[in-house]
C-alpha atoms as a PDB file:
ATOM      1  CA  MET A   1      85.122 123.009 103.625  1.00  0.00           C
ATOM      2  CA  ASN A   2      85.688 124.322 107.148  1.00  0.00           C
ATOM      3  CA  TYR A   3      88.951 124.040 109.062  1.00  0.00           C
ATOM      4  CA  PHE A   4      87.805 121.058 111.099  1.00  0.00           C
ATOM      5  CA  LYS A   5      86.999 119.015 108.002  1.00  0.00           C
ATOM      6  CA  LYS A   6      90.256 119.998 106.299  1.00  0.00           C
ATOM      7  CA  ILE A   7      92.308 118.985 109.304  1.00  0.00           C
ATOM      8  CA  PHE A   8      90.302 115.784 109.811  1.00  0.00           C
ATOM      9  CA  TRP A   9      90.771 114.551 106.260  1.00  0.00           C
ATOM     10  CA  LEU A  10      94.437 115.542 106.265  1.00  0.00           C
ATOM     11  CA  LEU A  11      94.962 113.449 109.398  1.00  0.00           C
ATOM     12  CA  VAL A  12      92.982 110.588 107.888  1.00  0.00           C
ATOM     13  CA  PHE A  13      95.201 110.681 104.811  1.00  0.00           C
ATOM     14  CA  LEU A  14      98.368 110.805 106.875  1.00  0.00           C
ATOM     15  CA  TYR A  15      97.156 107.814 108.854  1.00  0.00           C
ATOM     16  CA  SER A  16      96.252 105.865 105.727  1.00  0.00           C
ATOM     17  CA  ALA A  17      99.542 106.700 104.015  1.00  0.00           C
ATOM     18  CA  ILE A  18     101.553 105.454 106.971  1.00  0.00           C
ATOM     19  CA  TYR A  19      99.458 102.532 108.127  1.00  0.00           C
ATOM     20  CA  TYR A  20      97.920 100.996 104.998  1.00  0.00           C
ATOM     21  CA  PRO A  21     100.070  97.976 104.168  1.00  0.00           C
ATOM     22  CA  GLN A  22      98.793  94.855 102.372  1.00  0.00           C
ATOM     23  CA  SER A  23      95.342  93.439 102.930  1.00  0.00           C
ATOM     24  CA  TYR A  24      94.968  90.534 105.303  1.00  0.00           C
ATOM     25  CA  GLN A  25      95.373  87.503 103.027  1.00  0.00           C
ATOM     26  CA  GLN A  26      96.581  84.808 105.385  1.00  0.00           C
ATOM     27  CA  ASP A  27      93.161  83.265 105.916  1.00  0.00           C
ATOM     28  CA  THR A  28      90.892  81.630 103.364  1.00  0.00           C
ATOM     29  CA  LEU A  29      87.391  83.088 103.232  1.00  0.00           C
ATOM     30  CA  LYS A  30      84.998  80.400 104.477  1.00  0.00           C
ATOM     31  CA  GLY A  31      81.907  82.570 104.689  1.00  0.00           C
ATOM     32  CA  GLU A  32      80.779  86.137 104.019  1.00  0.00           C
ATOM     33  CA  PHE A  33      77.526  87.370 105.520  1.00  0.00           C
ATOM     34  CA  THR A  34      75.880  90.782 105.171  1.00  0.00           C
ATOM     35  CA  TYR A  35      73.703  92.101 108.004  1.00  0.00           C
ATOM     36  CA  ASN A  36      71.350  95.055 107.958  1.00  0.00           C
ATOM     37  CA  LEU A  37      71.304  97.109 111.147  1.00  0.00           C
ATOM     38  CA  LYS A  38      68.217  99.072 112.172  1.00  0.00           C
ATOM     39  CA  ALA A  39      69.084 101.280 115.135  1.00  0.00           C
ATOM     40  CA  LYS A  40      67.380 103.993 117.131  1.00  0.00           C
ATOM     41  CA  PHE A  41      70.184 106.242 118.365  1.00  0.00           C
ATOM     42  CA  ASP A  42      68.128 109.109 119.811  1.00  0.00           C
ATOM     43  CA  LYS A  43      65.336 108.612 122.344  1.00  0.00           C
ATOM     44  CA  ARG A  44      63.711 111.878 121.286  1.00  0.00           C
ATOM     45  CA  ILE A  45      62.766 110.781 117.788  1.00  0.00           C
ATOM     46  CA  ASP A  46      61.156 107.650 116.413  1.00  0.00           C
ATOM     47  CA  LYS A  47      63.628 107.332 113.562  1.00  0.00           C
ATOM     48  CA  TYR A  48      65.842 104.381 112.741  1.00  0.00           C
ATOM     49  CA  HIS A  49      69.256 104.479 111.143  1.00  0.00           C
ATOM     50  CA  GLU A  50      70.023 101.661 108.713  1.00  0.00           C
ATOM     51  CA  GLU A  51      73.462 100.461 107.676  1.00  0.00           C
ATOM     52  CA  LEU A  52      74.974  97.313 106.217  1.00  0.00           C
ATOM     53  CA  PHE A  53      77.727  95.362 107.955  1.00  0.00           C
ATOM     54  CA  VAL A  54      79.751  92.388 106.818  1.00  0.00           C
ATOM     55  CA  LEU A  55      80.961  89.347 108.734  1.00  0.00           C
ATOM     56  CA  LYS A  56      83.926  87.706 106.998  1.00  0.00           C
ATOM     57  CA  VAL A  57      84.641  84.247 108.369  1.00  0.00           C
ATOM     58  CA  GLY A  58      88.046  82.622 107.988  1.00  0.00           C
ATOM     59  CA  GLU A  59      89.682  79.412 109.173  1.00  0.00           C
ATOM     60  CA  ARG A  60      90.396  80.652 112.690  1.00  0.00           C
ATOM     61  CA  LYS A  61      88.548  83.932 113.173  1.00  0.00           C
ATOM     62  CA  ALA A  62      85.806  86.214 111.869  1.00  0.00           C
ATOM     63  CA  PHE A  63      85.959  89.938 111.095  1.00  0.00           C
ATOM     64  CA  PHE A  64      82.977  92.273 111.513  1.00  0.00           C
ATOM     65  CA  ALA A  65      82.861  95.844 110.154  1.00  0.00           C
ATOM     66  CA  SER A  66      80.649  98.435 108.475  1.00  0.00           C
ATOM     67  CA  ILE A  67      80.556  98.074 104.688  1.00  0.00           C
ATOM     68  CA  VAL A  68      80.630 101.874 104.364  1.00  0.00           C
ATOM     69  CA  SER A  69      83.775 101.967 106.495  1.00  0.00           C
ATOM     70  CA  LEU A  70      85.467  99.302 104.372  1.00  0.00           C
ATOM     71  CA  LYS A  71      84.551 101.197 101.202  1.00  0.00           C
ATOM     72  CA  GLY A  72      86.178 104.260 102.753  1.00  0.00           C
ATOM     73  CA  ASP A  73      89.379 102.260 103.199  1.00  0.00           C
ATOM     74  CA  SER A  74      89.380 101.381  99.516  1.00  0.00           C
ATOM     75  CA  VAL A  75      88.683 104.940  98.359  1.00  0.00           C
ATOM     76  CA  MET A  76      91.446 106.385 100.541  1.00  0.00           C
ATOM     77  CA  GLU A  77      93.955 103.824  99.340  1.00  0.00           C
ATOM     78  CA  LYS A  78      93.218 104.466  95.658  1.00  0.00           C
ATOM     79  CA  SER A  79      92.647 108.229  95.747  1.00  0.00           C
ATOM     80  CA  GLY A  80      95.491 109.700  97.785  1.00  0.00           C
ATOM     81  CA  THR A  81      98.061 111.909  96.066  1.00  0.00           C
ATOM     82  CA  THR A  82     101.599 112.844  97.129  1.00  0.00           C
ATOM     83  CA  THR A  83     103.388 115.895  95.759  1.00  0.00           C
ATOM     84  CA  HIS A  84     107.132 116.306  96.350  1.00  0.00           C
ATOM     85  CA  ASN A  85     107.869 120.021  96.625  1.00  0.00           C
ATOM     86  CA  VAL A  86     111.120 121.713  95.542  1.00  0.00           C
ATOM     87  CA  ASP A  87     111.965 122.574  99.154  1.00  0.00           C
ATOM     88  CA  GLY A  88     111.938 118.890 100.055  1.00  0.00           C
ATOM     89  CA  SER A  89     108.556 118.921 101.743  1.00  0.00           C
ATOM     90  CA  ILE A  90     105.636 116.690 100.808  1.00  0.00           C
ATOM     91  CA  THR A  91     102.056 117.773 100.185  1.00  0.00           C
ATOM     92  CA  LEU A  92      99.342 115.170 100.676  1.00  0.00           C
ATOM     93  CA  GLY A  93      95.924 115.432  99.105  1.00  0.00           C
ATOM     94  CA  TRP A  94      93.122 113.720  97.224  1.00  0.00           C
ATOM     95  CA  LYS A  95      92.343 113.259  93.564  1.00  0.00           C
ATOM     96  CA  THR A  96      89.844 115.797  92.248  1.00  0.00           C
ATOM     97  CA  GLY A  97      86.236 114.931  92.947  1.00  0.00           C
ATOM     98  CA  VAL A  98      86.958 112.180  95.449  1.00  0.00           C
ATOM     99  CA  VAL A  99      84.312 111.685  98.131  1.00  0.00           C
ATOM    100  CA  ILE A 100      85.122 109.542 101.171  1.00  0.00           C
ATOM    101  CA  PRO A 101      82.141 107.455 102.346  1.00  0.00           C
ATOM    102  CA  LYS A 102      81.172 108.480 105.882  1.00  0.00           C
ATOM    103  CA  THR A 103      79.990 106.379 108.790  1.00  0.00           C
ATOM    104  CA  ASN A 104      79.944 106.544 112.572  1.00  0.00           C
ATOM    105  CA  PHE A 105      80.988 102.881 112.685  1.00  0.00           C
ATOM    106  CA  ASN A 106      84.702 102.820 111.951  1.00  0.00           C
ATOM    107  CA  PHE A 107      85.483  99.993 114.366  1.00  0.00           C
ATOM    108  CA  THR A 108      86.570  96.452 113.569  1.00  0.00           C
ATOM    109  CA  ILE A 109      85.606  93.423 115.651  1.00  0.00           C
ATOM    110  CA  ILE A 110      87.470  90.127 115.505  1.00  0.00           C
ATOM    111  CA  GLN A 111      85.753  87.042 116.916  1.00  0.00           C
ATOM    112  CA  THR A 112      87.368  83.715 117.788  1.00  0.00           C
ATOM    113  CA  ASN A 113      86.191  80.734 119.803  1.00  0.00           C
ATOM    114  CA  GLU A 114      87.879  82.179 122.899  1.00  0.00           C
ATOM    115  CA  LYS A 115      87.432  85.952 122.744  1.00  0.00           C
ATOM    116  CA  VAL A 116      86.036  89.005 121.038  1.00  0.00           C
ATOM    117  CA  GLN A 117      88.442  91.846 120.289  1.00  0.00           C
ATOM    118  CA  PHE A 118      87.279  95.387 119.533  1.00  0.00           C
ATOM    119  CA  PHE A 119      89.432  97.886 117.565  1.00  0.00           C
ATOM    120  CA  ASP A 120      88.774 101.595 117.112  1.00  0.00           C
ATOM    121  CA  SER A 121      90.725 104.827 116.874  1.00  0.00           C
ATOM    122  CA  ALA A 122      90.963 107.918 119.037  1.00  0.00           C
ATOM    123  CA  GLY A 123      92.663 110.759 117.229  1.00  0.00           C
ATOM    124  CA  MET A 124      95.568 109.226 115.314  1.00  0.00           C
ATOM    125  CA  SER A 125      95.963 106.201 117.594  1.00  0.00           C
ATOM    126  CA  LEU A 126      94.422 102.764 117.250  1.00  0.00           C
ATOM    127  CA  PHE A 127      93.214 101.087 120.448  1.00  0.00           C
ATOM    128  CA  THR A 128      91.915  97.642 121.287  1.00  0.00           C
ATOM    129  CA  TYR A 129      90.298  95.798 124.164  1.00  0.00           C
ATOM    130  CA  LYS A 130      89.317  92.160 124.605  1.00  0.00           C
ATOM    131  CA  GLN A 131      86.243  90.498 126.049  1.00  0.00           C
ATOM    132  CA  PRO A 132      85.382  86.832 126.570  1.00  0.00           C
ATOM    133  CA  VAL A 133      82.866  85.169 124.269  1.00  0.00           C
ATOM    134  CA  ILE A 134      79.331  85.407 125.669  1.00  0.00           C
ATOM    135  CA  ALA A 135      78.796  82.327 127.836  1.00  0.00           C
ATOM    136  CA  ASN A 136      75.407  82.940 129.460  1.00  0.00           C
ATOM    137  CA  TRP A 137      73.143  82.259 126.476  1.00  0.00           C
ATOM    138  CA  LYS A 138      69.821  80.611 127.351  1.00  0.00           C
ATOM    139  CA  LEU A 139      68.805  78.225 124.584  1.00  0.00           C
ATOM    140  CA  ALA A 140      65.069  77.849 123.979  1.00  0.00           C
ATOM    141  CA  ASP A 141      63.185  74.978 122.353  1.00  0.00           C
ATOM    142  CA  GLU A 142      61.580  77.261 119.791  1.00  0.00           C
ATOM    143  CA  THR A 143      62.096  77.459 116.035  1.00  0.00           C
ATOM    144  CA  ARG A 144      61.397  80.058 113.390  1.00  0.00           C
ATOM    145  CA  VAL A 145      62.076  80.311 109.660  1.00  0.00           C
ATOM    146  CA  ILE A 146      63.876  83.532 108.703  1.00  0.00           C
ATOM    147  CA  ASN A 147      64.646  84.132 105.025  1.00  0.00           C
ATOM    148  CA  THR A 148      64.167  80.399 104.313  1.00  0.00           C
ATOM    149  CA  ILE A 149      66.615  79.439 107.093  1.00  0.00           C
ATOM    150  CA  THR A 150      65.350  77.343 109.999  1.00  0.00           C
ATOM    151  CA  CYS A 151      66.523  79.004 113.208  1.00  0.00           C
ATOM    152  CA  LYS A 152      66.462  78.285 116.895  1.00  0.00           C
ATOM    153  CA  LYS A 153      65.945  80.832 119.648  1.00  0.00           C
ATOM    154  CA  ALA A 154      68.427  81.984 122.288  1.00  0.00           C
ATOM    155  CA  GLU A 155      68.299  84.786 124.844  1.00  0.00           C
ATOM    156  CA  VAL A 156      70.964  86.719 126.724  1.00  0.00           C
ATOM    157  CA  ARG A 157      71.404  89.828 128.845  1.00  0.00           C
ATOM    158  CA  PHE A 158      74.399  91.707 127.503  1.00  0.00           C
ATOM    159  CA  LYS A 159      75.702  95.174 128.377  1.00  0.00           C
ATOM    160  CA  GLY A 160      72.447  96.355 129.955  1.00  0.00           C
ATOM    161  CA  ARG A 161      70.043  95.034 127.323  1.00  0.00           C
ATOM    162  CA  ASN A 162      68.030  91.840 126.935  1.00  0.00           C
ATOM    163  CA  TRP A 163      68.551  90.258 123.519  1.00  0.00           C
ATOM    164  CA  ILE A 164      66.684  87.617 121.533  1.00  0.00           C
ATOM    165  CA  ALA A 165      68.764  85.797 118.932  1.00  0.00           C
ATOM    166  CA  TRP A 166      67.820  83.382 116.191  1.00  0.00           C
ATOM    167  CA  TYR A 167      70.664  81.131 115.093  1.00  0.00           C
ATOM    168  CA  ALA A 168      70.992  78.451 112.409  1.00  0.00           C
ATOM    169  CA  PRO A 169      72.319  75.052 113.536  1.00  0.00           C
ATOM    170  CA  GLU A 170      72.577  74.138 109.833  1.00  0.00           C
ATOM    171  CA  ILE A 171      75.317  76.789 109.505  1.00  0.00           C
ATOM    172  CA  PRO A 172      77.782  75.544 112.166  1.00  0.00           C
ATOM    173  CA  LEU A 173      79.697  78.799 112.643  1.00  0.00           C
ATOM    174  CA  PRO A 174      79.751  80.215 116.209  1.00  0.00           C
ATOM    175  CA  TYR A 175      79.695  83.835 115.025  1.00  0.00           C
ATOM    176  CA  GLY A 176      77.301  86.719 114.565  1.00  0.00           C
ATOM    177  CA  PRO A 177      77.054  90.511 114.285  1.00  0.00           C
ATOM    178  CA  MET A 178      78.869  92.873 116.660  1.00  0.00           C
ATOM    179  CA  LYS A 179      80.130  91.020 119.764  1.00  0.00           C
ATOM    180  CA  PHE A 180      77.410  88.389 119.620  1.00  0.00           C
ATOM    181  CA  SER A 181      78.960  84.948 119.249  1.00  0.00           C
ATOM    182  CA  GLY A 182      79.234  81.645 121.060  1.00  0.00           C
ATOM    183  CA  LEU A 183      76.045  79.949 119.833  1.00  0.00           C
ATOM    184  CA  PRO A 184      75.985  76.517 118.106  1.00  0.00           C
ATOM    185  CA  GLY A 185      75.242  78.094 114.737  1.00  0.00           C
ATOM    186  CA  LEU A 186      75.462  81.379 112.851  1.00  0.00           C
ATOM    187  CA  ILE A 187      73.272  84.163 114.266  1.00  0.00           C
ATOM    188  CA  ILE A 188      70.733  85.057 111.584  1.00  0.00           C
ATOM    189  CA  LYS A 189      68.844  87.738 113.510  1.00  0.00           C
ATOM    190  CA  ILE A 190      69.266  89.399 116.902  1.00  0.00           C
ATOM    191  CA  THR A 191      67.067  92.093 118.453  1.00  0.00           C
ATOM    192  CA  ASP A 192      66.949  93.745 121.850  1.00  0.00           C
ATOM    193  CA  GLU A 193      63.640  93.475 123.697  1.00  0.00           C
ATOM    194  CA  LYS A 194      62.820  97.166 123.145  1.00  0.00           C
ATOM    195  CA  GLU A 195      63.502  96.748 119.414  1.00  0.00           C
ATOM    196  CA  ASP A 196      65.886  99.692 119.448  1.00  0.00           C
ATOM    197  CA  TYR A 197      68.554  97.585 117.735  1.00  0.00           C
ATOM    198  CA  ASP A 198      68.069  94.833 115.205  1.00  0.00           C
ATOM    199  CA  PHE A 199      70.622  92.962 113.090  1.00  0.00           C
ATOM    200  CA  GLU A 200      69.341  90.639 110.375  1.00  0.00           C
ATOM    201  CA  LEU A 201      71.181  88.590 107.780  1.00  0.00           C
ATOM    202  CA  VAL A 202      70.242  89.824 104.305  1.00  0.00           C
ATOM    203  CA  LYS A 203      72.897  88.297 102.061  1.00  0.00           C
ATOM    204  CA  SER A 204      75.544  85.580 101.977  1.00  0.00           C
ATOM    205  CA  LEU A 205      78.041  84.353  99.420  1.00  0.00           C
ATOM    206  CA  SER A 206      77.557  80.913  97.912  1.00  0.00           C
ATOM    207  CA  VAL A 207      80.181  78.175  98.096  1.00  0.00           C
ATOM    208  CA  SER A 208      81.170  78.833  94.477  1.00  0.00           C
ATOM    209  CA  GLN A 209      81.595  82.555  95.157  1.00  0.00           C
ATOM    210  CA  LEU A 210      83.882  81.826  98.111  1.00  0.00           C
ATOM    211  CA  LYS A 211      86.239  79.561  96.192  1.00  0.00           C
ATOM    212  CA  GLY A 212      89.757  80.968  96.020  1.00  0.00           C
ATOM    213  CA  LYS A 213      88.915  84.095  98.021  1.00  0.00           C
ATOM    214  CA  PHE A 214      90.772  85.418 101.074  1.00  0.00           C
ATOM    215  CA  ILE A 215      89.930  87.733 103.952  1.00  0.00           C
ATOM    216  CA  ASN A 216      90.541  91.236 102.581  1.00  0.00           C
ATOM    217  CA  ILE A 217      90.391  93.395 105.700  1.00  0.00           C
ATOM    218  CA  LYS A 218      93.202  95.961 105.896  1.00  0.00           C
ATOM    219  CA  GLU A 219      95.800  95.073 108.504  1.00  0.00           C
ATOM    220  CA  SER A 220      95.856  98.697 109.620  1.00  0.00           C
ATOM    221  CA  ARG A 221      92.403  98.164 111.132  1.00  0.00           C
ATOM    222  CA  TYR A 222      93.732  95.752 113.751  1.00  0.00           C
ATOM    223  CA  THR A 223      97.551  95.670 113.896  1.00  0.00           C
ATOM    224  CA  GLY A 224      99.729  97.831 116.141  1.00  0.00           C
ATOM    225  CA  ALA A 225      96.815  98.737 118.400  1.00  0.00           C
ATOM    226  CA  ILE A 226      97.336  99.945 121.959  1.00  0.00           C
ATOM    227  CA  GLU A 227      95.849  97.588 124.549  1.00  0.00           C
ATOM    228  CA  THR A 228      93.303  99.322 126.773  1.00  0.00           C
ATOM    229  CA  THR A 229      89.869  98.890 128.331  1.00  0.00           C
ATOM    230  CA  GLN A 230      86.478  99.802 126.913  1.00  0.00           C
ATOM    231  CA  ALA A 231      86.072 102.668 129.391  1.00  0.00           C
ATOM    232  CA  LYS A 232      89.527 104.089 128.634  1.00  0.00           C
ATOM    233  CA  LEU A 233      88.934 103.907 124.897  1.00  0.00           C
ATOM    234  CA  LYS A 234      85.707 105.885 125.217  1.00  0.00           C
ATOM    235  CA  GLN A 235      87.498 108.489 127.323  1.00  0.00           C
ATOM    236  CA  ALA A 236      90.339 108.717 124.797  1.00  0.00           C
ATOM    237  CA  GLN A 237      87.807 109.345 122.034  1.00  0.00           C
ATOM    238  CA  ARG A 238      86.140 112.093 124.073  1.00  0.00           C
ATOM    239  CA  ASN A 239      89.545 113.653 124.726  1.00  0.00           C
ATOM    240  CA  ALA A 240      90.479 113.508 121.050  1.00  0.00           C
ATOM    241  CA  ASP A 241      87.299 115.315 120.114  1.00  0.00           C
ATOM    242  CA  ALA A 242      87.827 117.956 122.798  1.00  0.00           C
ATOM    243  CA  ASN A 243      91.382 118.577 121.592  1.00  0.00           C
ATOM    244  CA  ALA A 244      90.310 119.669 118.121  1.00  0.00           C
ATOM    245  CA  ALA A 245      91.407 123.250 118.837  1.00  0.00           C
ATOM    246  CA  ALA A 246      94.908 122.062 119.699  1.00  0.00           C
ATOM    247  CA  VAL A 247      95.090 120.282 116.337  1.00  0.00           C
ATOM    248  CA  LEU A 248      94.125 123.494 114.568  1.00  0.00           C
ATOM    249  CA  ALA A 249      96.711 125.443 116.547  1.00  0.00           C
ATOM    250  CA  SER A 250      99.445 122.961 115.633  1.00  0.00           C
ATOM    251  CA  TYR A 251      98.818 123.809 111.975  1.00  0.00           C
ATOM    252  CA  GLY A 252      99.119 127.527 112.650  1.00  0.00           C
ATOM    253  CA  THR A 253      95.411 128.135 112.172  1.00  0.00           C
ATOM    254  CA  THR A 254      93.650 131.017 113.896  1.00  0.00           C
ATOM    255  CA  ILE A 255      91.690 129.198 116.568  1.00  0.00           C
ATOM    256  CA  ILE A 256      89.316 131.865 117.889  1.00  0.00           C
ATOM    257  CA  GLN A 257      86.597 130.696 115.557  1.00  0.00           C
ATOM    258  CA  GLY A 258      87.595 127.102 116.171  1.00  0.00           C
ATOM    259  CA  GLN A 259      87.320 127.527 119.921  1.00  0.00           C
ATOM    260  CA  GLU A 260      83.837 128.963 119.574  1.00  0.00           C
ATOM    261  CA  MET A 261      82.841 126.032 117.379  1.00  0.00           C
ATOM    262  CA  ILE A 262      84.168 123.635 119.989  1.00  0.00           C
ATOM    263  CA  LYS A 263      82.151 125.358 122.723  1.00  0.00           C
ATOM    264  CA  GLN A 264      79.008 125.000 120.654  1.00  0.00           C
ATOM    265  CA  ARG A 265      79.798 121.388 119.862  1.00  0.00           C
ATOM    266  CA  GLU A 266      80.431 120.629 123.524  1.00  0.00           C
ATOM    267  CA  LYS A 267      77.162 122.274 124.511  1.00  0.00           C
ATOM    268  CA  ALA A 268      75.299 120.245 121.890  1.00  0.00           C
ATOM    269  CA  ARG A 269      77.140 117.086 122.927  1.00  0.00           C
ATOM    270  CA  LYS A 270      76.082 117.469 126.559  1.00  0.00           C
ATOM    271  CA  GLU A 271      72.483 118.057 125.519  1.00  0.00           C
ATOM    272  CA  ASN A 272      72.491 115.081 123.146  1.00  0.00           C
ATOM    273  CA  GLU A 273      74.172 112.905 125.767  1.00  0.00           C
ATOM    274  CA  LYS A 274      70.950 112.895 127.779  1.00  0.00           C
ATOM    275  CA  TYR A 275      69.061 111.320 124.895  1.00  0.00           C
ATOM    276  CA  LYS A 276      71.671 108.949 123.504  1.00  0.00           C
ATOM    277  CA  ASN A 277      70.576 105.373 123.076  1.00  0.00           C
ATOM    278  CA  PRO A 278      73.762 103.317 122.621  1.00  0.00           C
ATOM    279  CA  LEU A 279      73.763  99.624 121.862  1.00  0.00           C
ATOM    280  CA  GLU A 280      75.737  98.980 125.033  1.00  0.00           C
ATOM    281  CA  LEU A 281      74.116 100.626 128.051  1.00  0.00           C
ATOM    282  CA  SER A 282      76.802  99.410 130.451  1.00  0.00           C
ATOM    283  CA  GLU A 283      80.408  98.338 130.281  1.00  0.00           C
END
């Protein structure tokens, strides 16, 4: 494992050891819905990334996150080790053979009737910004059956893309994947007009499966976050990535090789930037 990976996972463990208190269990689970994302991240290649996300709906709010990311939370919580050394220091590590699930979607989104709140980290800090619930939906008198669910059509322009959503009035929950909410029914499927991004409901828990269950999202994913804006969060994440050499230096690591790696990464990043195809094209 190279220096960057060693330092990254050490910082991840430090973060989890400090900030992983009890799971969020103050809200009864009223619905749990799994969405499959198909996304084209790179304009150069006709290849789609697929990943599962979960929407956990409680009494007052709904939580949206990558299932891979949530599994990573669980693995880190169960697999961390702490060794107390004779000199009084502490060595942190992982149990032998542990593999942390990896994803590029480590954010958490909380939806309510009034707002959508986005949480993500930059370096060792957790940041958050708020946005109002989408209010400019255009409802269409058109129906479609998706996975046996009768849906109605709605359209919206959001963050530089035109989206077509299919929502289920028979499931009276005003939520959906990502930041998409505010419709008179759960969003079953939503696709941008270029079909670069598509979220579709693929699984839900039955009423009997929900009985007695609580929201089990770690509080560390959304508590103690620094209030910011979307633009400032993106800049903080770019800065954190660029400061990788400083992290290595703080651990007394020879950084000549690290600096060269950073130069190569920055060169590749600038080249890839031209072909990136993010879900949100504007802020």
